[in-house]
Amino acid sequence: MSGAPQDGPQVVAGDVLLLGREASPQFVRPLTVRVIRRLDDWHTYDGWLWLDGYEVGAKGEATRRRTLYVRLAGVRWLNMSARLTRPRRPPARTVVAG
């Protein structure tokens, strides 16, 4: 019994997740969470994991710290596209002789 499987996307610090019934029966109403860290040293069933995070309010502010037990297959990323893009590189500078 270990945390989330290694296939597919992994939850990392900074991710913003939408957790609903698919993630766990405890989420009667969907909950938006910003991940602080995964608690990989806490034992779980395959496909499940423990997370520390902040519940995110309607204005995007952290409203409450939470420790949550979620099913990875039910997690929806709200900011995944930001992780998939490469970081911007500054433009190359050209030296002009004068």
Protein backbone atom coordinates (compact mmCIF):
# COMPACT_ATOMS: atom_id res chain seq x y z
CA MET A 1 0.00 0.00 0.00
CA SER A 2 1.63 3.18 -1.17
CA GLY A 3 0.44 6.56 -2.42
CA ALA A 4 -0.48 7.56 -5.94
CA PRO A 5 0.55 5.47 -8.92
CA GLN A 6 3.51 6.73 -10.96
CA ASP A 7 1.57 6.84 -14.27
CA GLY A 8 -0.06 10.08 -15.38
CA PRO A 9 0.11 13.51 -13.77
CA GLN A 10 1.32 13.83 -10.21
CA VAL A 11 0.16 16.34 -7.63
CA VAL A 12 2.91 18.80 -6.70
CA ALA A 13 3.14 21.85 -4.43
CA GLY A 14 1.48 24.88 -6.00
CA ASP A 15 -1.13 22.91 -7.96
CA VAL A 16 -4.69 24.23 -7.75
CA LEU A 17 -7.15 21.34 -7.63
CA LEU A 18 -10.90 20.97 -7.81
CA LEU A 19 -12.01 18.16 -5.52
CA GLY A 20 -15.51 16.75 -5.91
CA ARG A 21 -17.29 13.44 -5.29
CA GLU A 22 -14.97 11.74 -7.79
CA ALA A 23 -12.00 12.56 -5.53
CA SER A 24 -13.70 11.37 -2.32
CA PRO A 25 -17.20 10.92 -0.89
CA GLN A 26 -16.34 13.54 1.76
CA PHE A 27 -16.60 16.33 -0.84
CA VAL A 28 -20.37 16.79 -1.05
CA ARG A 29 -19.75 20.22 -2.53
CA PRO A 30 -16.71 20.79 -4.77
CA LEU A 31 -13.70 22.24 -3.01
CA THR A 32 -10.87 24.24 -4.59
CA VAL A 33 -7.49 23.64 -2.95
CA ARG A 34 -3.97 24.99 -3.46
CA VAL A 35 -1.51 22.21 -2.61
CA ILE A 36 1.21 22.90 -0.04
CA ARG A 37 2.72 19.41 -0.13
CA ARG A 38 2.01 15.73 -0.61
CA LEU A 39 2.25 13.59 2.51
CA ASP A 40 3.96 10.61 0.85
CA ASP A 41 5.15 9.16 4.15
CA TRP A 42 1.52 8.60 5.23
CA HIS A 43 0.41 5.12 4.10
CA THR A 44 -2.58 4.88 1.78
CA TYR A 45 -4.31 2.52 -0.62
CA ASP A 46 -3.09 2.46 -4.24
CA GLY A 47 -4.41 5.46 -6.14
CA TRP A 48 -5.09 7.52 -3.00
CA LEU A 49 -2.91 10.15 -1.33
CA TRP A 50 -2.80 12.59 1.55
CA LEU A 51 -2.35 16.30 0.81
CA ASP A 52 -1.76 19.44 2.84
CA GLY A 53 -3.32 22.47 1.23
CA TYR A 54 -5.26 25.67 1.56
CA GLU A 55 -8.93 25.88 0.71
CA VAL A 56 -9.25 28.66 -1.87
CA GLY A 57 -12.11 31.14 -1.61
CA ALA A 58 -14.11 32.78 -4.39
CA LYS A 59 -11.60 35.64 -4.70
CA GLY A 60 -8.62 33.26 -4.89
CA GLU A 61 -7.52 33.83 -1.30
CA ALA A 62 -6.48 31.04 1.07
CA THR A 63 -9.30 30.66 3.59
CA ARG A 64 -8.44 27.56 5.61
CA ARG A 65 -5.62 25.03 5.88
CA ARG A 66 -6.73 21.43 5.27
CA THR A 67 -5.23 17.93 5.32
CA LEU A 68 -7.13 15.87 2.76
CA TYR A 69 -7.32 12.23 1.66
CA VAL A 70 -8.09 12.06 -2.07
CA ARG A 71 -8.34 9.58 -4.93
CA LEU A 72 -5.91 10.70 -7.63
CA ALA A 73 -8.20 9.54 -10.47
CA GLY A 74 -10.90 11.97 -9.26
CA VAL A 75 -8.67 15.03 -8.95
CA ARG A 76 -9.18 17.84 -11.51
CA TRP A 77 -6.34 20.27 -12.06
CA LEU A 78 -7.36 23.90 -12.53
CA ASN A 79 -3.84 25.08 -13.40
CA MET A 80 -2.35 22.07 -15.23
CA SER A 81 -1.68 24.05 -18.42
CA ALA A 82 0.69 26.30 -16.47
CA ARG A 83 2.79 23.27 -15.51
CA LEU A 84 2.90 21.91 -19.06
CA THR A 85 4.31 25.04 -20.66
CA ARG A 86 8.01 25.69 -20.67
CA PRO A 87 9.29 28.61 -18.61
CA ARG A 88 9.89 31.80 -20.57
CA ARG A 89 13.45 32.50 -21.48
CA PRO A 90 14.66 36.08 -21.80
CA PRO A 91 15.38 37.19 -25.37
CA ALA A 92 18.95 36.76 -26.55
CA ARG A 93 20.90 40.00 -26.48
CA THR A 94 22.92 41.01 -29.49
CA VAL A 95 26.01 43.14 -29.07
CA VAL A 96 26.10 45.92 -31.62
CA ALA A 97 29.49 47.45 -32.34
CA GLY A 98 29.31 51.18 -32.44
